[in-house]
Amino acid sequence: MKDKLEKIKEEALDALKDLNDLENLEDFRLKYLGKKGELTKILRGMKDVSPDERPEIGQLANKIRGSLEKQLIEKKDVLQDKALEYKLSQEWVDVTMPGRRPARGSLHPLTIVRNEIIDIFMGMGFDVADGPEVELDYYNFEALNIPKNHPSRDVQDTFYINDNILLRTHTSPVQIRTMEQEKPPIKVIIPGRVYRSDEVDATHSPIFHQIEGLVIDKDVTMADLKGVLDTFAKKMFGEDTRTKLRPHHFPFTEPSAEVDVSCAICHGEGCSVCSHTGWIEILGGGMVHPKVLQNGGIDPEEYSGFAFGMGLDRITNIKYGIDDIRLLFENDIRFLKQF
């Protein structure tokens, strides 16, 4: 039994010396030290050894196992070091080379123009207000003097969640919420996302952005509205920009007007952008309807006010000469990196 153990030890050590690959170490371990290995096979014959010799044979077997396991670990360390040295010699990095700069993003054009508009109106003393995008029918329609039979209530134009809850179709509901929460004088600008059931094309999207303005105080007139919009247009499109008010109808303002600005592309001479008229419509507004003031908890006999609303997407397209609103939503890096 002793001779067999010593022979296995010599064979294993010779085999270990010849190993030069980490992948073969596991095969070596299984062959000599595994549950079905050579050493285990010998020890299974211990039943044939006399009782007096068993302790000595057991000690020898354990000594040989320990020696082989130690040699195996040492061999593994040597082979791992060699493998690392080879890998380093083949996969080197020039640490003196400059690193690759990560791509830097920028603000979306809608965000750029939104911030610019807010800055312009804050410079005129406006605060910024906000409200929910999932709105009640009362705030979106009824409180704004929009009757039940008004076309904008049709399901083809409005995304209804149920009979009383919908996705807001404009930022005007925040006007009512602001009037309920604050006392005059009120002077706020209201940017936000709105929703309407429109087919997607170059000029329409079911999701777009508006910016509303609301001023309520004593003795507010249309002249104040005209002055504010003139200032905005000059700051936004250039000092030579002119504005023009055309009579219109909105349920929540009376009198009402649509507002045009002289074309920023041709400066009023006429081009394809302005349909050769020299003017571009940018917003609508007027004096806040007395019923809307009452619905907001404000006495129309004591206070008056004006309101206006513009499409942020439209202003952005005019400012940058963008001819397709879809470009603002497609997240094409080739388009966005221009800003």
C-alpha atoms as a PDB file:
ATOM      1  CA  MET A   1       0.000   0.000   0.000  1.00  0.00           C
ATOM      2  CA  LYS A   2       2.897   2.319   0.880  1.00  0.00           C
ATOM      3  CA  ASP A   3       4.578   1.634  -2.428  1.00  0.00           C
ATOM      4  CA  LYS A   4       1.388   2.379  -4.352  1.00  0.00           C
ATOM      5  CA  LEU A   5       0.967   5.682  -2.529  1.00  0.00           C
ATOM      6  CA  GLU A   6       4.552   6.722  -3.187  1.00  0.00           C
ATOM      7  CA  LYS A   7       4.225   5.759  -6.843  1.00  0.00           C
ATOM      8  CA  ILE A   8       1.067   7.877  -7.232  1.00  0.00           C
ATOM      9  CA  LYS A   9       2.896  10.777  -5.588  1.00  0.00           C
ATOM     10  CA  GLU A  10       5.828  10.532  -8.009  1.00  0.00           C
ATOM     11  CA  GLU A  11       3.517  10.246 -11.037  1.00  0.00           C
ATOM     12  CA  ALA A  12       1.463  13.226  -9.908  1.00  0.00           C
ATOM     13  CA  LEU A  13       4.544  15.402  -9.302  1.00  0.00           C
ATOM     14  CA  ASP A  14       5.983  14.508 -12.699  1.00  0.00           C
ATOM     15  CA  ALA A  15       2.665  15.293 -14.381  1.00  0.00           C
ATOM     16  CA  LEU A  16       2.443  18.604 -12.508  1.00  0.00           C
ATOM     17  CA  LYS A  17       5.880  19.677 -13.709  1.00  0.00           C
ATOM     18  CA  ASP A  18       4.829  19.207 -17.319  1.00  0.00           C
ATOM     19  CA  LEU A  19       1.637  21.267 -16.977  1.00  0.00           C
ATOM     20  CA  ASN A  20       1.879  24.657 -18.680  1.00  0.00           C
ATOM     21  CA  ASP A  21      -1.802  25.521 -19.061  1.00  0.00           C
ATOM     22  CA  LEU A  22      -4.346  26.640 -16.453  1.00  0.00           C
ATOM     23  CA  GLU A  23      -7.083  24.708 -18.217  1.00  0.00           C
ATOM     24  CA  ASN A  24      -5.266  21.394 -17.558  1.00  0.00           C
ATOM     25  CA  LEU A  25      -4.894  22.013 -13.794  1.00  0.00           C
ATOM     26  CA  GLU A  26      -8.510  21.062 -13.117  1.00  0.00           C
ATOM     27  CA  ASP A  27      -8.068  17.795 -15.041  1.00  0.00           C
ATOM     28  CA  PHE A  28      -4.984  17.087 -12.924  1.00  0.00           C
ATOM     29  CA  ARG A  29      -6.868  17.733  -9.672  1.00  0.00           C
ATOM     30  CA  LEU A  30      -9.722  15.456 -10.658  1.00  0.00           C
ATOM     31  CA  LYS A  31      -7.355  12.687 -11.777  1.00  0.00           C
ATOM     32  CA  TYR A  32      -5.320  12.520  -8.568  1.00  0.00           C
ATOM     33  CA  LEU A  33      -7.283  14.307  -5.826  1.00  0.00           C
ATOM     34  CA  GLY A  34     -10.902  14.039  -6.886  1.00  0.00           C
ATOM     35  CA  LYS A  35     -13.566  11.725  -5.392  1.00  0.00           C
ATOM     36  CA  LYS A  36     -12.862   9.244  -8.166  1.00  0.00           C
ATOM     37  CA  GLY A  37      -9.153  10.042  -8.384  1.00  0.00           C
ATOM     38  CA  GLU A  38      -6.134   7.732  -8.067  1.00  0.00           C
ATOM     39  CA  LEU A  39      -5.490   8.597  -4.435  1.00  0.00           C
ATOM     40  CA  THR A  40      -9.084   7.885  -3.449  1.00  0.00           C
ATOM     41  CA  LYS A  41      -9.010   4.535  -5.241  1.00  0.00           C
ATOM     42  CA  ILE A  42      -6.000   3.440  -3.192  1.00  0.00           C
ATOM     43  CA  LEU A  43      -7.593   4.503   0.076  1.00  0.00           C
ATOM     44  CA  ARG A  44     -10.676   2.443  -0.712  1.00  0.00           C
ATOM     45  CA  GLY A  45      -8.425  -0.591  -0.307  1.00  0.00           C
ATOM     46  CA  MET A  46      -7.755   0.248   3.359  1.00  0.00           C
ATOM     47  CA  LYS A  47     -10.110  -2.553   4.386  1.00  0.00           C
ATOM     48  CA  ASP A  48      -7.474  -5.012   3.195  1.00  0.00           C
ATOM     49  CA  VAL A  49      -4.764  -3.419   5.352  1.00  0.00           C
ATOM     50  CA  SER A  50      -4.084  -4.877   8.764  1.00  0.00           C
ATOM     51  CA  PRO A  51      -5.359  -2.857  11.720  1.00  0.00           C
ATOM     52  CA  ASP A  52      -1.839  -2.191  12.916  1.00  0.00           C
ATOM     53  CA  GLU A  53      -0.785  -0.591   9.631  1.00  0.00           C
ATOM     54  CA  ARG A  54      -3.893   1.488   9.027  1.00  0.00           C
ATOM     55  CA  PRO A  55      -2.835   4.509  11.142  1.00  0.00           C
ATOM     56  CA  GLU A  56       0.506   4.702   9.382  1.00  0.00           C
ATOM     57  CA  ILE A  57      -1.046   4.277   5.927  1.00  0.00           C
ATOM     58  CA  GLY A  58      -3.688   6.918   6.752  1.00  0.00           C
ATOM     59  CA  GLN A  59      -1.058   9.425   7.872  1.00  0.00           C
ATOM     60  CA  LEU A  60       0.986   8.809   4.727  1.00  0.00           C
ATOM     61  CA  ALA A  61      -2.048   9.233   2.495  1.00  0.00           C
ATOM     62  CA  ASN A  62      -2.986  12.534   4.164  1.00  0.00           C
ATOM     63  CA  LYS A  63       0.595  13.741   3.911  1.00  0.00           C
ATOM     64  CA  ILE A  64       0.707  12.931   0.194  1.00  0.00           C
ATOM     65  CA  ARG A  65      -2.698  14.629  -0.377  1.00  0.00           C
ATOM     66  CA  GLY A  66      -1.544  17.747   1.465  1.00  0.00           C
ATOM     67  CA  SER A  67       1.700  17.835  -0.486  1.00  0.00           C
ATOM     68  CA  LEU A  68      -0.055  17.495  -3.848  1.00  0.00           C
ATOM     69  CA  GLU A  69      -2.604  20.162  -2.945  1.00  0.00           C
ATOM     70  CA  LYS A  70       0.167  22.560  -1.965  1.00  0.00           C
ATOM     71  CA  GLN A  71       2.091  21.861  -5.158  1.00  0.00           C
ATOM     72  CA  LEU A  72      -1.120  22.347  -7.160  1.00  0.00           C
ATOM     73  CA  ILE A  73      -1.730  25.806  -5.614  1.00  0.00           C
ATOM     74  CA  GLU A  74       1.862  26.875  -6.223  1.00  0.00           C
ATOM     75  CA  LYS A  75       1.675  25.696  -9.819  1.00  0.00           C
ATOM     76  CA  LYS A  76      -1.580  27.575 -10.318  1.00  0.00           C
ATOM     77  CA  ASP A  77      -0.027  30.802  -9.010  1.00  0.00           C
ATOM     78  CA  VAL A  78       2.925  30.410 -11.381  1.00  0.00           C
ATOM     79  CA  LEU A  79       0.704  29.762 -14.404  1.00  0.00           C
ATOM     80  CA  GLN A  80      -1.596  32.709 -13.517  1.00  0.00           C
ATOM     81  CA  ASP A  81       1.394  35.055 -13.299  1.00  0.00           C
ATOM     82  CA  LYS A  82       2.654  33.859 -16.672  1.00  0.00           C
ATOM     83  CA  ALA A  83      -0.805  34.300 -18.217  1.00  0.00           C
ATOM     84  CA  LEU A  84      -1.030  37.835 -16.857  1.00  0.00           C
ATOM     85  CA  GLU A  85       2.427  38.714 -18.147  1.00  0.00           C
ATOM     86  CA  TYR A  86       1.501  37.440 -21.599  1.00  0.00           C
ATOM     87  CA  LYS A  87      -1.766  39.352 -21.600  1.00  0.00           C
ATOM     88  CA  LEU A  88      -0.058  42.562 -20.572  1.00  0.00           C
ATOM     89  CA  SER A  89       2.534  42.128 -23.295  1.00  0.00           C
ATOM     90  CA  GLN A  90      -0.202  41.733 -25.912  1.00  0.00           C
ATOM     91  CA  GLU A  91      -2.815  44.223 -24.619  1.00  0.00           C
ATOM     92  CA  TRP A  92      -0.944  47.386 -23.716  1.00  0.00           C
ATOM     93  CA  VAL A  93      -2.368  50.878 -23.417  1.00  0.00           C
ATOM     94  CA  ASP A  94      -0.566  54.092 -24.201  1.00  0.00           C
ATOM     95  CA  VAL A  95      -1.348  56.113 -21.073  1.00  0.00           C
ATOM     96  CA  THR A  96       0.075  59.254 -22.677  1.00  0.00           C
ATOM     97  CA  MET A  97      -2.678  59.389 -25.286  1.00  0.00           C
ATOM     98  CA  PRO A  98      -5.433  61.932 -24.590  1.00  0.00           C
ATOM     99  CA  GLY A  99      -8.746  60.391 -23.539  1.00  0.00           C
ATOM    100  CA  ARG A 100     -11.918  60.517 -25.569  1.00  0.00           C
ATOM    101  CA  ARG A 101     -14.121  63.373 -24.496  1.00  0.00           C
ATOM    102  CA  PRO A 102     -17.682  62.302 -23.672  1.00  0.00           C
ATOM    103  CA  ALA A 103     -20.350  63.732 -25.931  1.00  0.00           C
ATOM    104  CA  ARG A 104     -21.880  66.839 -24.431  1.00  0.00           C
ATOM    105  CA  GLY A 105     -25.561  67.512 -24.753  1.00  0.00           C
ATOM    106  CA  SER A 106     -27.403  70.811 -24.850  1.00  0.00           C
ATOM    107  CA  LEU A 107     -30.824  72.179 -24.033  1.00  0.00           C
ATOM    108  CA  HIS A 108     -33.691  71.254 -26.343  1.00  0.00           C
ATOM    109  CA  PRO A 109     -34.770  74.157 -28.602  1.00  0.00           C
ATOM    110  CA  LEU A 110     -38.183  74.189 -26.895  1.00  0.00           C
ATOM    111  CA  THR A 111     -36.479  74.545 -23.534  1.00  0.00           C
ATOM    112  CA  ILE A 112     -34.198  77.300 -24.838  1.00  0.00           C
ATOM    113  CA  VAL A 113     -37.111  79.359 -26.159  1.00  0.00           C
ATOM    114  CA  ARG A 114     -39.280  78.600 -23.108  1.00  0.00           C
ATOM    115  CA  ASN A 115     -36.563  79.915 -20.801  1.00  0.00           C
ATOM    116  CA  GLU A 116     -36.087  82.986 -22.992  1.00  0.00           C
ATOM    117  CA  ILE A 117     -39.818  83.780 -22.947  1.00  0.00           C
ATOM    118  CA  ILE A 118     -39.971  83.341 -19.181  1.00  0.00           C
ATOM    119  CA  ASP A 119     -36.976  85.650 -18.751  1.00  0.00           C
ATOM    120  CA  ILE A 120     -38.637  88.314 -20.917  1.00  0.00           C
ATOM    121  CA  PHE A 121     -41.860  88.298 -18.904  1.00  0.00           C
ATOM    122  CA  MET A 122     -40.124  88.023 -15.551  1.00  0.00           C
ATOM    123  CA  GLY A 123     -38.273  91.173 -16.617  1.00  0.00           C
ATOM    124  CA  MET A 124     -41.705  92.812 -16.839  1.00  0.00           C
ATOM    125  CA  GLY A 125     -42.636  91.674 -13.328  1.00  0.00           C
ATOM    126  CA  PHE A 126     -44.446  88.399 -14.077  1.00  0.00           C
ATOM    127  CA  ASP A 127     -44.280  85.359 -11.805  1.00  0.00           C
ATOM    128  CA  VAL A 128     -44.360  81.752 -13.104  1.00  0.00           C
ATOM    129  CA  ALA A 129     -47.420  79.593 -12.293  1.00  0.00           C
ATOM    130  CA  ASP A 130     -48.075  75.900 -12.932  1.00  0.00           C
ATOM    131  CA  GLY A 131     -50.974  73.459 -12.768  1.00  0.00           C
ATOM    132  CA  PRO A 132     -51.997  69.831 -13.443  1.00  0.00           C
ATOM    133  CA  GLU A 133     -51.987  68.357 -16.934  1.00  0.00           C
ATOM    134  CA  VAL A 134     -54.797  65.959 -16.007  1.00  0.00           C
ATOM    135  CA  GLU A 135     -57.570  68.452 -15.426  1.00  0.00           C
ATOM    136  CA  LEU A 136     -61.204  68.684 -14.345  1.00  0.00           C
ATOM    137  CA  ASP A 137     -63.829  69.636 -16.917  1.00  0.00           C
ATOM    138  CA  TYR A 138     -64.804  72.580 -14.723  1.00  0.00           C
ATOM    139  CA  TYR A 139     -61.393  74.256 -14.864  1.00  0.00           C
ATOM    140  CA  ASN A 140     -60.696  73.372 -18.489  1.00  0.00           C
ATOM    141  CA  PHE A 141     -64.079  74.517 -19.853  1.00  0.00           C
ATOM    142  CA  GLU A 142     -66.885  75.681 -17.558  1.00  0.00           C
ATOM    143  CA  ALA A 143     -64.923  78.167 -15.458  1.00  0.00           C
ATOM    144  CA  LEU A 144     -63.523  79.666 -18.670  1.00  0.00           C
ATOM    145  CA  ASN A 145     -67.015  80.424 -20.003  1.00  0.00           C
ATOM    146  CA  ILE A 146     -66.936  77.566 -22.523  1.00  0.00           C
ATOM    147  CA  PRO A 147     -70.478  76.143 -22.702  1.00  0.00           C
ATOM    148  CA  LYS A 148     -71.397  72.477 -22.912  1.00  0.00           C
ATOM    149  CA  ASN A 149     -72.148  72.673 -26.640  1.00  0.00           C
ATOM    150  CA  HIS A 150     -68.835  74.328 -27.585  1.00  0.00           C
ATOM    151  CA  PRO A 151     -66.959  72.481 -30.406  1.00  0.00           C
ATOM    152  CA  SER A 152     -63.763  72.165 -28.333  1.00  0.00           C
ATOM    153  CA  ARG A 153     -65.594  69.818 -25.950  1.00  0.00           C
ATOM    154  CA  ASP A 154     -66.084  67.274 -28.725  1.00  0.00           C
ATOM    155  CA  VAL A 155     -64.276  63.976 -28.177  1.00  0.00           C
ATOM    156  CA  GLN A 156     -62.585  64.449 -31.539  1.00  0.00           C
ATOM    157  CA  ASP A 157     -60.664  67.409 -30.080  1.00  0.00           C
ATOM    158  CA  THR A 158     -60.250  66.472 -26.415  1.00  0.00           C
ATOM    159  CA  PHE A 159     -58.754  63.426 -24.705  1.00  0.00           C
ATOM    160  CA  TYR A 160     -61.375  62.510 -22.086  1.00  0.00           C
ATOM    161  CA  ILE A 161     -60.550  60.097 -19.275  1.00  0.00           C
ATOM    162  CA  ASN A 162     -64.160  60.143 -18.124  1.00  0.00           C
ATOM    163  CA  ASP A 163     -67.030  62.652 -18.272  1.00  0.00           C
ATOM    164  CA  ASN A 164     -65.378  64.857 -15.674  1.00  0.00           C
ATOM    165  CA  ILE A 165     -61.634  64.329 -16.167  1.00  0.00           C
ATOM    166  CA  LEU A 166     -59.542  65.050 -19.256  1.00  0.00           C
ATOM    167  CA  LEU A 167     -56.090  65.961 -20.487  1.00  0.00           C
ATOM    168  CA  ARG A 168     -56.015  69.748 -20.518  1.00  0.00           C
ATOM    169  CA  THR A 169     -56.400  71.288 -23.963  1.00  0.00           C
ATOM    170  CA  HIS A 170     -54.742  74.579 -22.977  1.00  0.00           C
ATOM    171  CA  THR A 171     -52.925  76.124 -20.018  1.00  0.00           C
ATOM    172  CA  SER A 172     -55.880  78.441 -19.311  1.00  0.00           C
ATOM    173  CA  PRO A 173     -57.205  76.313 -16.381  1.00  0.00           C
ATOM    174  CA  VAL A 174     -54.225  77.591 -14.387  1.00  0.00           C
ATOM    175  CA  GLN A 175     -55.689  81.099 -14.724  1.00  0.00           C
ATOM    176  CA  ILE A 176     -58.750  80.032 -12.719  1.00  0.00           C
ATOM    177  CA  ARG A 177     -56.664  78.127 -10.173  1.00  0.00           C
ATOM    178  CA  THR A 178     -54.404  81.163  -9.740  1.00  0.00           C
ATOM    179  CA  MET A 179     -57.365  83.507  -9.243  1.00  0.00           C
ATOM    180  CA  GLU A 180     -58.791  81.132  -6.625  1.00  0.00           C
ATOM    181  CA  GLN A 181     -55.528  81.023  -4.705  1.00  0.00           C
ATOM    182  CA  GLU A 182     -54.305  84.613  -5.012  1.00  0.00           C
ATOM    183  CA  LYS A 183     -55.788  88.081  -4.643  1.00  0.00           C
ATOM    184  CA  PRO A 184     -55.177  90.890  -7.172  1.00  0.00           C
ATOM    185  CA  PRO A 185     -52.877  92.269  -8.311  1.00  0.00           C
ATOM    186  CA  ILE A 186     -52.059  89.088 -10.263  1.00  0.00           C
ATOM    187  CA  LYS A 187     -49.335  88.947 -12.895  1.00  0.00           C
ATOM    188  CA  VAL A 188     -48.321  85.444 -13.981  1.00  0.00           C
ATOM    189  CA  ILE A 189     -46.902  83.579 -16.952  1.00  0.00           C
ATOM    190  CA  ILE A 190     -48.016  79.941 -17.323  1.00  0.00           C
ATOM    191  CA  PRO A 191     -45.891  77.566 -19.427  1.00  0.00           C
ATOM    192  CA  GLY A 192     -46.935  73.946 -19.876  1.00  0.00           C
ATOM    193  CA  ARG A 193     -47.712  70.895 -21.978  1.00  0.00           C
ATOM    194  CA  VAL A 194     -51.202  70.486 -23.462  1.00  0.00           C
ATOM    195  CA  TYR A 195     -53.068  67.808 -25.411  1.00  0.00           C
ATOM    196  CA  ARG A 196     -55.531  67.743 -28.304  1.00  0.00           C
ATOM    197  CA  SER A 197     -56.734  64.968 -30.578  1.00  0.00           C
ATOM    198  CA  ASP A 198     -54.906  66.117 -33.728  1.00  0.00           C
ATOM    199  CA  GLU A 199     -53.386  64.064 -36.518  1.00  0.00           C
ATOM    200  CA  VAL A 200     -49.606  64.310 -36.636  1.00  0.00           C
ATOM    201  CA  ASP A 201     -48.302  66.366 -39.554  1.00  0.00           C
ATOM    202  CA  ALA A 202     -45.864  69.215 -40.190  1.00  0.00           C
ATOM    203  CA  THR A 203     -47.972  71.725 -38.258  1.00  0.00           C
ATOM    204  CA  HIS A 204     -50.022  69.607 -35.814  1.00  0.00           C
ATOM    205  CA  SER A 205     -49.272  67.288 -32.897  1.00  0.00           C
ATOM    206  CA  PRO A 206     -51.478  65.707 -30.209  1.00  0.00           C
ATOM    207  CA  ILE A 207     -48.930  66.950 -27.661  1.00  0.00           C
ATOM    208  CA  PHE A 208     -47.649  70.505 -27.791  1.00  0.00           C
ATOM    209  CA  HIS A 209     -46.772  73.418 -25.516  1.00  0.00           C
ATOM    210  CA  GLN A 210     -48.402  76.708 -24.608  1.00  0.00           C
ATOM    211  CA  ILE A 211     -47.481  79.754 -22.585  1.00  0.00           C
ATOM    212  CA  GLU A 212     -50.316  81.807 -21.104  1.00  0.00           C
ATOM    213  CA  GLY A 213     -50.177  85.207 -19.490  1.00  0.00           C
ATOM    214  CA  LEU A 214     -52.626  86.691 -17.010  1.00  0.00           C
ATOM    215  CA  VAL A 215     -52.725  90.195 -15.509  1.00  0.00           C
ATOM    216  CA  ILE A 216     -55.503  91.316 -13.134  1.00  0.00           C
ATOM    217  CA  ASP A 217     -55.553  94.646 -11.341  1.00  0.00           C
ATOM    218  CA  LYS A 218     -57.547  97.825 -11.162  1.00  0.00           C
ATOM    219  CA  ASP A 219     -57.915  99.832 -14.385  1.00  0.00           C
ATOM    220  CA  VAL A 220     -56.199  97.284 -16.680  1.00  0.00           C
ATOM    221  CA  THR A 221     -56.982  97.964 -20.372  1.00  0.00           C
ATOM    222  CA  MET A 222     -56.319  96.642 -23.877  1.00  0.00           C
ATOM    223  CA  ALA A 223     -53.592  99.258 -24.144  1.00  0.00           C
ATOM    224  CA  ASP A 224     -51.713  97.469 -21.368  1.00  0.00           C
ATOM    225  CA  LEU A 225     -52.052  94.201 -23.272  1.00  0.00           C
ATOM    226  CA  LYS A 226     -50.768  95.836 -26.459  1.00  0.00           C
ATOM    227  CA  GLY A 227     -47.806  97.332 -24.611  1.00  0.00           C
ATOM    228  CA  VAL A 228     -46.829  94.008 -23.012  1.00  0.00           C
ATOM    229  CA  LEU A 229     -47.062  92.134 -26.312  1.00  0.00           C
ATOM    230  CA  ASP A 230     -45.111  94.837 -28.176  1.00  0.00           C
ATOM    231  CA  THR A 231     -42.322  94.549 -25.628  1.00  0.00           C
ATOM    232  CA  PHE A 232     -42.341  90.762 -25.843  1.00  0.00           C
ATOM    233  CA  ALA A 233     -42.220  90.722 -29.650  1.00  0.00           C
ATOM    234  CA  LYS A 234     -39.286  93.146 -29.802  1.00  0.00           C
ATOM    235  CA  LYS A 235     -37.326  91.201 -27.180  1.00  0.00           C
ATOM    236  CA  MET A 236     -38.083  87.880 -28.849  1.00  0.00           C
ATOM    237  CA  PHE A 237     -37.716  88.646 -32.556  1.00  0.00           C
ATOM    238  CA  GLY A 238     -35.792  91.931 -32.715  1.00  0.00           C
ATOM    239  CA  GLU A 239     -36.313  95.611 -32.025  1.00  0.00           C
ATOM    240  CA  ASP A 240     -37.727  96.285 -35.493  1.00  0.00           C
ATOM    241  CA  THR A 241     -40.600  93.798 -34.961  1.00  0.00           C
ATOM    242  CA  ARG A 242     -44.111  95.223 -35.227  1.00  0.00           C
ATOM    243  CA  THR A 243     -47.361  93.803 -33.844  1.00  0.00           C
ATOM    244  CA  LYS A 244     -50.905  93.872 -35.186  1.00  0.00           C
ATOM    245  CA  LEU A 245     -54.139  92.993 -33.385  1.00  0.00           C
ATOM    246  CA  ARG A 246     -57.053  91.572 -35.365  1.00  0.00           C
ATOM    247  CA  PRO A 247     -60.562  91.227 -33.875  1.00  0.00           C
ATOM    248  CA  HIS A 248     -61.454  87.660 -32.948  1.00  0.00           C
ATOM    249  CA  HIS A 249     -63.672  85.676 -30.596  1.00  0.00           C
ATOM    250  CA  PHE A 250     -62.610  83.657 -27.560  1.00  0.00           C
ATOM    251  CA  PRO A 251     -65.170  82.568 -24.934  1.00  0.00           C
ATOM    252  CA  PHE A 252     -62.904  83.580 -22.056  1.00  0.00           C
ATOM    253  CA  THR A 253     -61.957  87.113 -23.248  1.00  0.00           C
ATOM    254  CA  GLU A 254     -64.050  90.061 -24.411  1.00  0.00           C
ATOM    255  CA  PRO A 255     -63.000  91.934 -26.451  1.00  0.00           C
ATOM    256  CA  SER A 256     -60.630  89.398 -28.057  1.00  0.00           C
ATOM    257  CA  ALA A 257     -57.924  89.623 -30.684  1.00  0.00           C
ATOM    258  CA  GLU A 258     -55.451  87.506 -32.587  1.00  0.00           C
ATOM    259  CA  VAL A 259     -51.966  88.966 -32.623  1.00  0.00           C
ATOM    260  CA  ASP A 260     -49.601  88.987 -35.583  1.00  0.00           C
ATOM    261  CA  VAL A 261     -45.956  89.997 -35.693  1.00  0.00           C
ATOM    262  CA  SER A 262     -44.013  91.193 -38.686  1.00  0.00           C
ATOM    263  CA  CYS A 263     -42.197  88.245 -40.252  1.00  0.00           C
ATOM    264  CA  ALA A 264     -38.795  87.731 -38.665  1.00  0.00           C
ATOM    265  CA  ILE A 265     -37.511  86.125 -41.865  1.00  0.00           C
ATOM    266  CA  CYS A 266     -38.378  88.786 -44.460  1.00  0.00           C
ATOM    267  CA  HIS A 267     -38.977  91.671 -42.018  1.00  0.00           C
ATOM    268  CA  GLY A 268     -42.448  92.299 -43.429  1.00  0.00           C
ATOM    269  CA  GLU A 269     -41.595  92.245 -47.127  1.00  0.00           C
ATOM    270  CA  GLY A 270     -43.268  88.888 -47.804  1.00  0.00           C
ATOM    271  CA  CYS A 271     -41.857  85.369 -48.118  1.00  0.00           C
ATOM    272  CA  SER A 272     -42.952  81.735 -48.129  1.00  0.00           C
ATOM    273  CA  VAL A 273     -42.801  81.552 -44.325  1.00  0.00           C
ATOM    274  CA  CYS A 274     -45.419  84.290 -43.892  1.00  0.00           C
ATOM    275  CA  SER A 275     -47.358  83.301 -47.056  1.00  0.00           C
ATOM    276  CA  HIS A 276     -46.109  86.533 -48.644  1.00  0.00           C
ATOM    277  CA  THR A 277     -48.219  88.657 -46.279  1.00  0.00           C
ATOM    278  CA  GLY A 278     -45.372  90.028 -44.184  1.00  0.00           C
ATOM    279  CA  TRP A 279     -47.179  88.941 -40.999  1.00  0.00           C
ATOM    280  CA  ILE A 280     -47.221  85.781 -38.841  1.00  0.00           C
ATOM    281  CA  GLU A 281     -49.881  84.957 -36.269  1.00  0.00           C
ATOM    282  CA  ILE A 282     -48.278  84.079 -32.935  1.00  0.00           C
ATOM    283  CA  LEU A 283     -50.941  84.279 -30.237  1.00  0.00           C
ATOM    284  CA  GLY A 284     -54.435  85.217 -29.139  1.00  0.00           C
ATOM    285  CA  GLY A 285     -55.609  87.317 -26.222  1.00  0.00           C
ATOM    286  CA  GLY A 286     -57.956  89.944 -24.899  1.00  0.00           C
ATOM    287  CA  MET A 287     -59.623  91.322 -21.802  1.00  0.00           C
ATOM    288  CA  VAL A 288     -60.655  88.646 -19.288  1.00  0.00           C
ATOM    289  CA  HIS A 289     -64.396  88.004 -19.559  1.00  0.00           C
ATOM    290  CA  PRO A 290     -66.368  89.217 -16.487  1.00  0.00           C
ATOM    291  CA  LYS A 291     -67.829  85.714 -16.011  1.00  0.00           C
ATOM    292  CA  VAL A 292     -64.312  84.256 -15.882  1.00  0.00           C
ATOM    293  CA  LEU A 293     -63.344  86.800 -13.225  1.00  0.00           C
ATOM    294  CA  GLN A 294     -66.440  85.875 -11.218  1.00  0.00           C
ATOM    295  CA  ASN A 295     -65.651  82.149 -11.547  1.00  0.00           C
ATOM    296  CA  GLY A 296     -62.197  82.900 -10.185  1.00  0.00           C
ATOM    297  CA  GLY A 297     -63.671  84.699  -7.184  1.00  0.00           C
ATOM    298  CA  ILE A 298     -62.800  88.217  -8.374  1.00  0.00           C
ATOM    299  CA  ASP A 299     -65.267  91.120  -8.582  1.00  0.00           C
ATOM    300  CA  PRO A 300     -65.391  92.335 -12.232  1.00  0.00           C
ATOM    301  CA  GLU A 301     -66.832  95.661 -11.042  1.00  0.00           C
ATOM    302  CA  GLU A 302     -63.634  96.379  -9.131  1.00  0.00           C
ATOM    303  CA  TYR A 303     -60.970  94.604 -11.189  1.00  0.00           C
ATOM    304  CA  SER A 304     -60.203  94.015 -14.843  1.00  0.00           C
ATOM    305  CA  GLY A 305     -57.506  92.081 -16.571  1.00  0.00           C
ATOM    306  CA  PHE A 306     -56.082  90.710 -19.767  1.00  0.00           C
ATOM    307  CA  ALA A 307     -54.948  87.260 -20.805  1.00  0.00           C
ATOM    308  CA  PHE A 308     -53.056  85.860 -23.751  1.00  0.00           C
ATOM    309  CA  GLY A 309     -51.804  82.491 -24.931  1.00  0.00           C
ATOM    310  CA  MET A 310     -49.158  81.463 -27.415  1.00  0.00           C
ATOM    311  CA  GLY A 311     -47.888  78.182 -28.823  1.00  0.00           C
ATOM    312  CA  LEU A 312     -44.328  77.598 -27.656  1.00  0.00           C
ATOM    313  CA  ASP A 313     -43.713  75.176 -30.523  1.00  0.00           C
ATOM    314  CA  ARG A 314     -44.846  77.801 -33.051  1.00  0.00           C
ATOM    315  CA  ILE A 315     -42.646  80.513 -31.510  1.00  0.00           C
ATOM    316  CA  THR A 316     -39.684  78.112 -31.575  1.00  0.00           C
ATOM    317  CA  ASN A 317     -40.275  77.247 -35.234  1.00  0.00           C
ATOM    318  CA  ILE A 318     -40.501  80.938 -36.184  1.00  0.00           C
ATOM    319  CA  LYS A 319     -37.395  81.869 -34.212  1.00  0.00           C
ATOM    320  CA  TYR A 320     -35.224  79.130 -35.699  1.00  0.00           C
ATOM    321  CA  GLY A 321     -36.853  78.796 -39.129  1.00  0.00           C
ATOM    322  CA  ILE A 322     -38.068  75.217 -38.469  1.00  0.00           C
ATOM    323  CA  ASP A 323     -40.718  74.140 -40.976  1.00  0.00           C
ATOM    324  CA  ASP A 324     -41.879  70.862 -39.391  1.00  0.00           C
ATOM    325  CA  ILE A 325     -43.110  70.544 -35.783  1.00  0.00           C
ATOM    326  CA  ARG A 326     -42.300  66.827 -35.792  1.00  0.00           C
ATOM    327  CA  LEU A 327     -38.604  67.640 -35.655  1.00  0.00           C
ATOM    328  CA  LEU A 328     -39.114  68.941 -32.121  1.00  0.00           C
ATOM    329  CA  PHE A 329     -40.334  65.534 -30.908  1.00  0.00           C
ATOM    330  CA  GLU A 330     -38.309  62.977 -32.886  1.00  0.00           C
ATOM    331  CA  ASN A 331     -35.105  63.334 -30.800  1.00  0.00           C
ATOM    332  CA  ASP A 332     -32.884  63.156 -33.879  1.00  0.00           C
ATOM    333  CA  ILE A 333     -29.385  64.040 -32.662  1.00  0.00           C
ATOM    334  CA  ARG A 334     -28.499  65.492 -36.058  1.00  0.00           C
ATOM    335  CA  PHE A 335     -31.267  68.056 -35.576  1.00  0.00           C
ATOM    336  CA  LEU A 336     -30.853  68.700 -31.856  1.00  0.00           C
ATOM    337  CA  LYS A 337     -27.077  69.226 -31.902  1.00  0.00           C
ATOM    338  CA  GLN A 338     -27.590  72.376 -33.978  1.00  0.00           C
ATOM    339  CA  PHE A 339     -28.844  74.086 -30.834  1.00  0.00           C
END
